[in-house]
Amino acid sequence: MFVDVAKISVKAGDGGNGSMAFRREKYEPMGGPWGGDGGRGGSVILIAEERLRTLMDFKYKKSYSAPRGEDGRKKKQFGAAGEDLYIRVPVGTLVRDTESGIVLADLKEIGQEFLLAKGGRGGRGNVHFKSSIRRTPRFAEPGTKGGERDITLELKLIADIGLAGFPNVGKSTILSIITSAKPKIANYHFTTLKPNLGVVQIGPGQSYAIADIPGLIEGAAEGLGLGHEFLRHIERNKLILHVIDASGHEDRDPLEDFYKINEELERYSEKLASKKQIIVLNKMDLPNSEENAKRIREKLGDEYDILEVSAATSEGLEYLKKFAYEKLIQIEDEVEFVDEELIATLTEQQAKDTITLKKEGDTYYCDGAFLERLVNFTNFDDYESFSNFQKVMNDKEIFSRLREMGAKEGDDINVCGVIFEYVD
C-alpha cells in the first residue's frame, strides 16, 4: 500500500521544574537556598531519510511525544534534559500546519531537518531567587510547557520528469526500457497502483529521475480513479512527458485524450497545467498510428515538441532520453514557497501561554497552563512565596484585567482551583 498523506500530532517535552531545597550540612546551620534548575524538555524534529519511500509508518501511529526534562535536585544539581525525538520521513515530504494549512517546511534533501516543536525551558531553582532582602526563598520556578502541533505530511516524489497520460498507454513500459526500474506491466487498466521511480543515465554526470504516475481518467481532479491521489507527485516535476496511444486501438481518439488529460491537470492546479510538456506518441508500430500522428502534429505541432516512439520495439526511445535531458537542463528548479514570517508568527502564537479570565456568577475565574504551574509551585503559607505569586500575577497584568472586568474589593477570585478574596 502506498501512503502519501498523513496527519499526526506532536508534543515536545515540558521543561523540568526547578528545585526548592536548602543547604543542610554539618557546621552550616544557616545554609541558604540550594535548589538546582530543571532540565529542558526534548524537542520534536523531522529529518528526511533516503531509505523511506512512503508515509506508511504514520498510518498506524498518529501521536508522538518527546520526553520531559528532569526536575532540578538539591545541591544545585540540574535535572537532565529530555532527549530530542527525531521523526524520520521520506525525502520529498511537504510539512503543513493542519489548522492553518501553512507550509512549514519542504524536506527535499537527504538529512534535512526541521524543528517541529521546541522543548519547554527548565524552571529555575530557588537559588536564583535569593537576594539581600529574601534570604530563604521557599519557592522555585516551574518548567514551561513544550510546544504542540498538529501537522499534515504530504509526500511528493522528487523526480525531474513525470510520465502522464491515460491508463494503458505504455508509460510503465517506457520507464522499464529507459531506466532500470521494474514496474508491474500488463495489458489492463491501472496496472500501476503507485508511482514508480527510475533514473535515466545519459553520460558521465548526466542523469535525471523520472516517475511513472498512475494513469489519469476523466474526473481525476475530483478524486475519480487513481489520479487524485497521485497528481501531487507531478507537481514537483520540472517536465512532463505526456504519453498518448497514437493507435487509438481501444476506440479512443488520441487528440481528444490529450485535451482531457490537460483539463484534469488544469482543474487540479494552474501551476501543474503550466509545466513544460513533451508529447510522446507511443505504439507507432500499430495500425492507424501514422494517420493519428499526422493529425496531432497539424493541431499541436506549433505549441509542443512531439516525438514518435514504440515501447514494443524500443524505436525512438534512445532519442527520447536525450531530447528530454536537453529540455530539462533549460528549466530552472522550482522551490516550494515557505513564508518564514508567517511561520514565525504562527510559532510565536503557539508558544504563548494562554491565560483565560471569565466571570461566572459572583466569581472570577483565572485559568491557563502557566497559572496552573504557578499555583502548583507556590507555598501559600510562606510569605515570600506568596509575594512572588502576587508579583507574577501583577506582571502578567491579571489584576488590571480583572479590574477592567468589574472586579471589586471582596469578590472571589478562583485561580486554578485556589480561591482568594480580591483586594484592591
Protein backbone atom coordinates (compact mmCIF):
# COMPACT_ATOMS: atom_id res chain seq x y z
CA MET A 1 0.00 0.00 0.00
CA PHE A 2 1.29 3.44 -0.94
CA VAL A 3 0.54 6.12 1.66
CA ASP A 4 1.35 9.67 0.62
CA VAL A 5 -0.67 11.82 3.06
CA ALA A 6 -0.67 11.53 6.84
CA LYS A 7 -1.88 13.64 9.74
CA ILE A 8 -0.08 13.42 13.07
CA SER A 9 0.08 15.24 16.40
CA VAL A 10 3.39 16.02 18.10
CA LYS A 11 4.19 17.20 21.62
CA ALA A 12 7.59 18.41 22.76
CA GLY A 13 8.65 17.61 26.31
CA ASP A 14 7.83 20.01 29.13
CA GLY A 15 10.71 21.61 30.95
CA GLY A 16 11.63 20.14 34.34
CA ASN A 17 10.66 22.06 37.45
CA GLY A 18 13.19 23.96 39.47
CA SER A 19 14.01 22.57 42.91
CA MET A 20 13.25 24.24 46.23
CA ALA A 21 15.98 22.96 48.54
CA PHE A 22 18.23 24.32 51.28
CA ARG A 23 21.72 23.51 52.32
CA ARG A 24 21.59 21.10 55.26
CA GLU A 25 25.10 20.18 56.29
CA LYS A 26 27.03 19.90 59.49
CA TYR A 27 28.56 23.21 60.56
CA GLU A 28 26.22 25.01 58.10
CA PRO A 29 23.20 25.76 60.32
CA MET A 30 22.22 28.79 58.26
CA GLY A 31 22.74 27.22 54.83
CA GLY A 32 20.96 29.12 52.09
CA PRO A 33 18.91 28.01 49.07
CA TRP A 34 20.46 25.15 47.15
CA GLY A 35 17.88 24.03 44.61
CA GLY A 36 19.03 23.26 41.06
CA ASP A 37 17.36 24.07 37.75
CA GLY A 38 15.10 21.73 35.85
CA GLY A 39 16.25 20.29 32.52
CA ARG A 40 14.82 21.44 29.20
CA GLY A 41 12.24 19.24 27.52
CA GLY A 42 13.07 17.23 24.40
CA SER A 43 12.20 18.82 21.05
CA VAL A 44 10.46 17.08 18.14
CA ILE A 45 12.49 17.21 14.91
CA LEU A 46 11.66 15.93 11.43
CA ILE A 47 14.52 14.52 9.37
CA ALA A 48 14.43 13.48 5.69
CA GLU A 49 15.54 9.88 5.25
CA GLU A 50 16.70 8.48 1.89
CA ARG A 51 15.64 4.89 2.56
CA LEU A 52 11.98 5.68 3.24
CA ARG A 53 9.57 5.64 0.31
CA THR A 54 6.12 6.08 1.87
CA LEU A 55 4.39 7.57 4.91
CA MET A 56 3.14 4.12 5.91
CA ASP A 57 4.51 4.35 9.47
CA PHE A 58 2.17 7.25 10.19
CA LYS A 59 -0.88 5.21 9.22
CA TYR A 60 -0.61 3.25 12.46
CA LYS A 61 0.94 5.78 14.83
CA LYS A 62 -0.61 9.24 14.97
CA SER A 63 0.84 10.81 18.15
CA TYR A 64 4.46 11.49 19.02
CA SER A 65 5.80 12.90 22.28
CA ALA A 66 9.32 13.81 23.32
CA PRO A 67 10.34 13.16 26.97
CA ARG A 68 10.14 15.97 29.54
CA GLY A 69 13.15 17.38 31.31
CA GLU A 70 14.02 16.08 34.76
CA ASP A 71 13.23 18.22 37.79
CA GLY A 72 16.10 20.02 39.48
CA ARG A 73 17.59 18.47 42.59
CA LYS A 74 19.19 19.64 45.79
CA LYS A 75 22.85 20.65 45.99
CA LYS A 76 22.30 22.89 42.94
CA GLN A 77 22.11 19.82 40.70
CA PHE A 78 20.48 20.41 37.35
CA GLY A 79 17.87 18.00 36.03
CA ALA A 80 18.81 16.13 32.86
CA ALA A 81 17.47 17.48 29.57
CA GLY A 82 14.85 15.44 27.76
CA GLU A 83 16.16 13.61 24.71
CA ASP A 84 15.13 15.10 21.36
CA LEU A 85 12.71 12.97 19.34
CA TYR A 86 13.64 12.54 15.66
CA ILE A 87 10.81 11.57 13.34
CA ARG A 88 12.06 10.20 10.02
CA VAL A 89 10.14 10.99 6.83
CA PRO A 90 10.85 10.33 3.14
CA VAL A 91 12.76 12.87 1.07
CA GLY A 92 10.15 14.95 -0.74
CA THR A 93 7.83 15.40 2.25
CA LEU A 94 5.93 18.67 2.50
CA VAL A 95 5.01 19.72 6.04
CA ARG A 96 1.84 21.75 6.69
CA ASP A 97 0.21 23.10 9.82
CA THR A 98 -3.09 21.23 9.80
CA GLU A 99 -5.24 24.02 11.22
CA SER A 100 -3.97 26.91 9.08
CA GLY A 101 -2.72 25.00 6.04
CA ILE A 102 0.54 26.98 6.13
CA VAL A 103 3.54 25.23 4.56
CA LEU A 104 6.10 24.89 7.37
CA ALA A 105 8.87 23.07 5.52
CA ASP A 106 9.76 21.36 2.26
CA LEU A 107 12.17 18.49 3.01
CA LYS A 108 13.79 17.95 -0.37
CA GLU A 109 17.32 16.97 0.64
CA ILE A 110 18.70 13.89 2.39
CA GLY A 111 19.35 14.64 6.06
CA GLN A 112 17.44 17.94 6.01
CA GLU A 113 15.96 18.71 9.43
CA PHE A 114 13.06 20.82 10.65
CA LEU A 115 12.32 21.76 14.25
CA LEU A 116 8.65 20.93 14.58
CA ALA A 117 8.06 21.57 18.28
CA LYS A 118 10.53 23.05 20.73
CA GLY A 119 11.02 21.57 24.18
CA GLY A 120 9.99 23.59 27.21
CA ARG A 121 12.53 25.57 29.22
CA GLY A 122 13.57 24.16 32.57
CA GLY A 123 12.44 26.08 35.65
CA ARG A 124 14.97 27.84 37.87
CA GLY A 125 15.74 26.51 41.31
CA ASN A 126 15.23 28.64 44.40
CA VAL A 127 18.92 29.52 44.47
CA HIS A 128 18.18 32.07 41.73
CA PHE A 129 15.66 33.96 43.88
CA LYS A 130 17.97 34.76 46.76
CA SER A 131 18.52 38.47 47.36
CA SER A 132 19.62 40.83 50.11
CA ILE A 133 16.06 41.03 51.42
CA ARG A 134 14.98 37.48 50.54
CA ARG A 135 17.44 35.17 52.24
CA THR A 136 15.45 31.94 52.16
CA PRO A 137 13.15 31.83 49.12
CA ARG A 138 10.72 28.98 49.63
CA PHE A 139 9.65 28.70 46.05
CA ALA A 140 11.11 27.68 42.72
CA GLU A 141 10.13 28.20 39.11
CA PRO A 142 8.10 25.61 37.20
CA GLY A 143 9.27 24.48 33.78
CA THR A 144 7.47 25.78 30.72
CA LYS A 145 5.32 23.59 28.52
CA GLY A 146 6.75 22.03 25.36
CA GLY A 147 5.30 23.01 22.01
CA GLU A 148 2.39 21.13 20.49
CA ARG A 149 1.32 20.96 16.88
CA ASP A 150 -0.99 19.08 14.53
CA ILE A 151 0.65 18.66 11.14
CA THR A 152 -0.15 17.15 7.76
CA LEU A 153 2.62 15.37 5.87
CA GLU A 154 2.36 15.22 2.08
CA LEU A 155 4.79 13.08 0.10
CA LYS A 156 5.65 14.32 -3.36
CA LEU A 157 8.14 12.26 -5.32
CA ILE A 158 11.39 14.01 -6.11
CA ALA A 159 11.55 13.38 -9.85
CA ASP A 160 12.70 15.69 -12.63
CA ILE A 161 10.28 14.28 -15.18
CA GLY A 162 6.84 12.73 -14.86
CA LEU A 163 5.11 10.37 -17.26
CA ALA A 164 1.47 11.38 -17.56
CA GLY A 165 -1.39 10.00 -19.62
CA PHE A 166 -4.40 7.71 -19.66
CA PRO A 167 -4.10 4.16 -18.29
CA ASN A 168 -2.58 1.54 -20.58
CA VAL A 169 -0.83 3.96 -22.95
CA GLY A 170 2.60 2.42 -22.26
CA LYS A 171 4.10 4.64 -19.57
CA SER A 172 5.37 1.75 -17.44
CA THR A 173 6.88 0.01 -20.44
CA ILE A 174 8.73 3.17 -21.46
CA LEU A 175 10.02 3.58 -17.89
CA SER A 176 11.25 -0.02 -17.78
CA ILE A 177 13.24 0.42 -21.02
CA ILE A 178 14.90 3.80 -20.42
CA THR A 179 15.70 3.09 -16.75
CA SER A 180 16.48 0.10 -14.55
CA ALA A 181 13.09 0.34 -12.83
CA LYS A 182 10.94 -2.80 -12.80
CA PRO A 183 7.31 -1.63 -12.73
CA LYS A 184 4.44 -4.10 -12.99
CA ILE A 185 3.30 -4.25 -16.61
CA ALA A 186 0.19 -5.88 -18.07
CA ASN A 187 -2.41 -5.15 -20.71
CA TYR A 188 -5.14 -3.81 -18.45
CA HIS A 189 -6.01 -0.53 -16.81
CA PHE A 190 -4.41 0.60 -13.56
CA THR A 191 -1.55 -1.87 -13.53
CA THR A 192 0.38 0.95 -11.87
CA LEU A 193 -1.15 1.45 -8.42
CA LYS A 194 1.67 3.55 -7.02
CA PRO A 195 4.31 5.85 -8.55
CA ASN A 196 7.41 4.11 -9.86
CA LEU A 197 10.70 5.96 -9.90
CA GLY A 198 13.73 5.33 -12.11
CA VAL A 199 16.96 7.07 -13.12
CA VAL A 200 17.90 7.73 -16.74
CA GLN A 201 21.65 7.71 -17.47
CA ILE A 202 22.78 9.81 -20.43
CA GLY A 203 26.51 10.02 -19.83
CA PRO A 204 29.10 10.90 -17.15
CA GLY A 205 27.46 13.37 -14.78
CA GLN A 206 24.34 13.43 -16.95
CA SER A 207 21.26 11.78 -15.48
CA TYR A 208 17.75 12.55 -14.29
CA ALA A 209 14.98 10.94 -12.26
CA ILE A 210 11.72 10.03 -13.95
CA ALA A 211 8.46 8.89 -12.34
CA ASP A 212 5.66 6.81 -13.82
CA ILE A 213 2.47 8.29 -12.35
CA PRO A 214 -0.65 6.04 -12.24
CA GLY A 215 -2.89 6.66 -15.23
CA LEU A 216 -5.38 9.51 -15.07
CA ILE A 217 -9.01 9.36 -16.11
CA GLU A 218 -11.71 11.97 -16.57
CA GLY A 219 -12.65 13.38 -13.17
CA ALA A 220 -9.24 12.65 -11.65
CA ALA A 221 -9.04 16.18 -10.23
CA GLU A 222 -12.24 15.43 -8.26
CA GLY A 223 -10.86 12.15 -6.95
CA LEU A 224 -12.15 9.66 -9.52
CA GLY A 225 -9.93 6.71 -10.33
CA LEU A 226 -6.38 6.79 -9.02
CA GLY A 227 -5.40 10.17 -10.38
CA HIS A 228 -6.34 12.45 -7.50
CA GLU A 229 -4.12 10.54 -5.06
CA PHE A 230 -1.05 10.96 -7.25
CA LEU A 231 -1.45 14.24 -9.12
CA ARG A 232 0.51 15.89 -6.30
CA HIS A 233 3.58 13.90 -7.32
CA ILE A 234 3.67 15.58 -10.74
CA GLU A 235 3.77 18.98 -9.01
CA ARG A 236 7.46 18.50 -8.28
CA ASN A 237 8.34 17.52 -11.85
CA LYS A 238 10.09 20.12 -13.97
CA LEU A 239 8.96 18.49 -17.20
CA ILE A 240 6.05 16.24 -18.19
CA LEU A 241 6.21 13.56 -20.85
CA HIS A 242 2.61 13.32 -21.98
CA VAL A 243 2.28 9.78 -23.34
CA ILE A 244 -0.50 9.15 -25.86
CA ASP A 245 -1.59 5.89 -27.52
CA ALA A 246 -1.28 7.05 -31.12
CA SER A 247 -3.04 3.95 -32.45
CA GLY A 248 -6.32 4.65 -30.71
CA HIS A 249 -6.79 0.89 -30.65
CA GLU A 250 -9.26 1.00 -27.74
CA ASP A 251 -11.62 3.13 -29.84
CA ARG A 252 -10.21 6.27 -28.26
CA ASP A 253 -9.32 9.48 -30.06
CA PRO A 254 -5.65 10.29 -29.22
CA LEU A 255 -6.16 14.01 -29.75
CA GLU A 256 -9.21 14.06 -27.51
CA ASP A 257 -7.27 12.12 -24.86
CA PHE A 258 -4.58 14.81 -24.88
CA TYR A 259 -7.10 17.56 -24.20
CA LYS A 260 -8.88 15.59 -21.47
CA ILE A 261 -5.67 14.92 -19.54
CA ASN A 262 -4.68 18.58 -19.72
CA GLU A 263 -8.14 19.58 -18.48
CA GLU A 264 -7.61 17.38 -15.43
CA LEU A 265 -4.18 18.91 -14.79
CA GLU A 266 -5.61 22.41 -15.02
CA ARG A 267 -8.55 21.63 -12.76
CA TYR A 268 -6.19 20.26 -10.14
CA SER A 269 -3.65 23.09 -10.28
CA GLU A 270 -2.82 26.00 -12.60
CA LYS A 271 0.81 25.50 -11.64
CA LEU A 272 0.61 21.91 -12.84
CA ALA A 273 -1.05 22.86 -16.13
CA SER A 274 1.66 25.45 -16.85
CA LYS A 275 4.53 22.94 -16.73
CA LYS A 276 6.52 22.26 -19.88
CA GLN A 277 5.22 19.20 -21.78
CA ILE A 278 6.63 16.94 -24.46
CA ILE A 279 4.06 14.88 -26.33
CA VAL A 280 5.18 11.27 -26.72
CA LEU A 281 3.20 9.37 -29.34
CA ASN A 282 3.56 5.72 -28.38
CA LYS A 283 2.55 2.49 -30.18
CA MET A 284 3.63 3.88 -33.54
CA ASP A 285 4.11 0.26 -34.70
CA LEU A 286 0.34 -0.33 -34.70
CA PRO A 287 -2.18 0.41 -37.47
CA ASN A 288 -3.75 3.91 -37.68
CA SER A 289 -0.82 5.45 -35.76
CA GLU A 290 0.63 7.33 -38.73
CA GLU A 291 -2.71 8.96 -39.57
CA ASN A 292 -3.34 9.98 -35.95
CA ALA A 293 0.21 11.28 -35.55
CA LYS A 294 -0.18 13.49 -38.63
CA ARG A 295 -3.44 14.87 -37.29
CA ILE A 296 -1.89 15.61 -33.87
CA ARG A 297 1.13 17.33 -35.43
CA GLU A 298 -1.11 19.56 -37.53
CA LYS A 299 -3.10 20.55 -34.45
CA LEU A 300 -0.40 20.79 -31.75
CA GLY A 301 2.92 20.88 -33.58
CA ASP A 302 3.35 24.66 -33.28
CA GLU A 303 2.90 24.60 -29.49
CA TYR A 304 4.50 21.34 -28.35
CA ASP A 305 7.51 19.18 -29.11
CA ILE A 306 6.17 15.88 -30.44
CA LEU A 307 8.16 12.65 -30.51
CA GLU A 308 7.12 9.31 -32.03
CA VAL A 309 8.16 6.09 -30.27
CA SER A 310 7.28 2.44 -29.93
CA ALA A 311 7.81 0.91 -26.49
CA ALA A 312 7.19 -2.53 -28.02
CA THR A 313 10.15 -2.22 -30.43
CA SER A 314 12.15 0.42 -28.48
CA GLU A 315 12.10 2.61 -31.59
CA GLY A 316 12.75 6.27 -30.76
CA LEU A 317 13.32 5.76 -27.01
CA GLU A 318 17.06 6.48 -27.09
CA TYR A 319 16.38 9.79 -28.81
CA LEU A 320 13.59 10.49 -26.30
CA LYS A 321 16.02 10.06 -23.38
CA LYS A 322 18.49 12.59 -24.78
CA PHE A 323 15.88 15.04 -26.04
CA ALA A 324 14.17 15.14 -22.64
CA TYR A 325 17.52 15.77 -20.94
CA GLU A 326 18.31 18.72 -23.22
CA LYS A 327 14.93 20.28 -22.44
CA LEU A 328 15.27 19.53 -18.74
CA ILE A 329 18.55 21.40 -18.23
CA GLN A 330 16.93 24.53 -19.67
CA ILE A 331 14.28 24.63 -16.94
CA GLU A 332 15.04 26.28 -13.61
CA ASP A 333 14.47 24.42 -10.36
CA GLU A 334 11.25 25.15 -8.50
CA VAL A 335 11.16 25.67 -4.75
CA GLU A 336 8.01 25.30 -2.65
CA PHE A 337 7.25 28.73 -1.18
CA VAL A 338 7.74 28.83 2.57
CA ASP A 339 6.67 32.09 4.23
CA GLU A 340 9.18 32.42 7.07
CA GLU A 341 7.46 35.47 8.60
CA LEU A 342 4.09 33.72 8.65
CA ILE A 343 5.66 30.64 10.23
CA ALA A 344 7.39 32.79 12.87
CA THR A 345 4.07 34.45 13.74
CA LEU A 346 2.29 31.10 13.98
CA THR A 347 5.07 29.63 16.14
CA GLU A 348 5.03 32.65 18.44
CA GLN A 349 1.27 32.37 18.90
CA GLN A 350 1.50 28.67 19.72
CA ALA A 351 4.38 29.24 22.13
CA LYS A 352 2.47 31.73 24.24
CA ASP A 353 0.94 30.51 27.46
CA THR A 354 -2.74 31.31 27.19
CA ILE A 355 -4.33 32.87 30.27
CA THR A 356 -8.12 32.97 30.25
CA LEU A 357 -10.27 35.13 32.52
CA LYS A 358 -14.03 34.82 32.84
CA LYS A 359 -16.82 35.62 35.26
CA GLU A 360 -19.49 33.15 36.35
CA GLY A 361 -22.00 34.42 38.87
CA ASP A 362 -20.12 36.41 41.52
CA THR A 363 -16.80 34.59 40.98
CA TYR A 364 -13.95 35.45 38.63
CA TYR A 365 -12.03 32.51 37.18
CA CYS A 366 -8.40 32.64 36.04
CA ASP A 367 -7.15 29.58 34.13
CA GLY A 368 -4.29 28.54 31.89
CA ALA A 369 -1.27 26.25 31.81
CA PHE A 370 1.04 28.96 33.10
CA LEU A 371 -1.18 29.80 36.06
CA GLU A 372 -1.60 26.12 36.87
CA ARG A 373 2.16 25.70 37.13
CA LEU A 374 2.44 28.89 39.18
CA VAL A 375 -0.17 27.67 41.66
CA ASN A 376 1.44 24.24 41.95
CA PHE A 377 4.79 25.74 42.88
CA THR A 378 3.58 28.39 45.28
CA ASN A 379 3.70 27.81 49.01
CA PHE A 380 0.76 29.94 50.12
CA ASP A 381 1.73 29.53 53.78
CA ASP A 382 5.08 31.17 53.11
CA TYR A 383 5.10 34.97 52.91
CA GLU A 384 7.91 35.22 50.34
CA SER A 385 6.43 32.53 48.10
CA PHE A 386 3.00 34.19 48.21
CA SER A 387 4.59 37.58 47.49
CA ASN A 388 6.24 36.12 44.41
CA PHE A 389 2.85 34.74 43.31
CA GLN A 390 1.30 38.19 43.58
CA LYS A 391 4.20 39.77 41.72
CA VAL A 392 3.84 37.34 38.81
CA MET A 393 0.09 37.92 38.69
CA ASN A 394 0.72 41.64 38.54
CA ASP A 395 3.46 41.29 35.90
CA LYS A 396 1.07 39.30 33.73
CA GLU A 397 -1.47 42.17 34.09
CA ILE A 398 -4.07 39.80 35.51
CA PHE A 399 -5.10 42.18 38.28
CA SER A 400 -5.60 45.06 35.83
CA ARG A 401 -7.65 42.82 33.54
CA LEU A 402 -9.83 41.76 36.48
CA ARG A 403 -10.45 45.40 37.34
CA GLU A 404 -11.49 46.05 33.73
CA MET A 405 -13.96 43.17 34.03
CA GLY A 406 -15.50 44.81 37.10
CA ALA A 407 -13.78 43.01 39.97
CA LYS A 408 -14.05 44.93 43.25
CA GLU A 409 -12.96 44.60 46.85
CA GLY A 410 -14.22 41.38 48.45
CA ASP A 411 -15.01 39.49 45.23
CA ASP A 412 -13.90 35.84 44.98
CA ILE A 413 -11.05 35.11 42.55
CA ASN A 414 -10.57 31.45 41.59
CA VAL A 415 -7.06 30.81 40.24
CA CYS A 416 -6.90 27.21 39.02
CA GLY A 417 -8.98 25.95 41.93
CA VAL A 418 -7.44 28.17 44.65
CA ILE A 419 -9.86 30.85 45.85
CA PHE A 420 -8.71 34.30 47.01
CA GLU A 421 -10.54 37.41 48.10
CA TYR A 422 -9.85 40.31 45.78
CA VAL A 423 -8.16 43.25 47.50
CA ASP A 424 -7.64 46.41 45.50
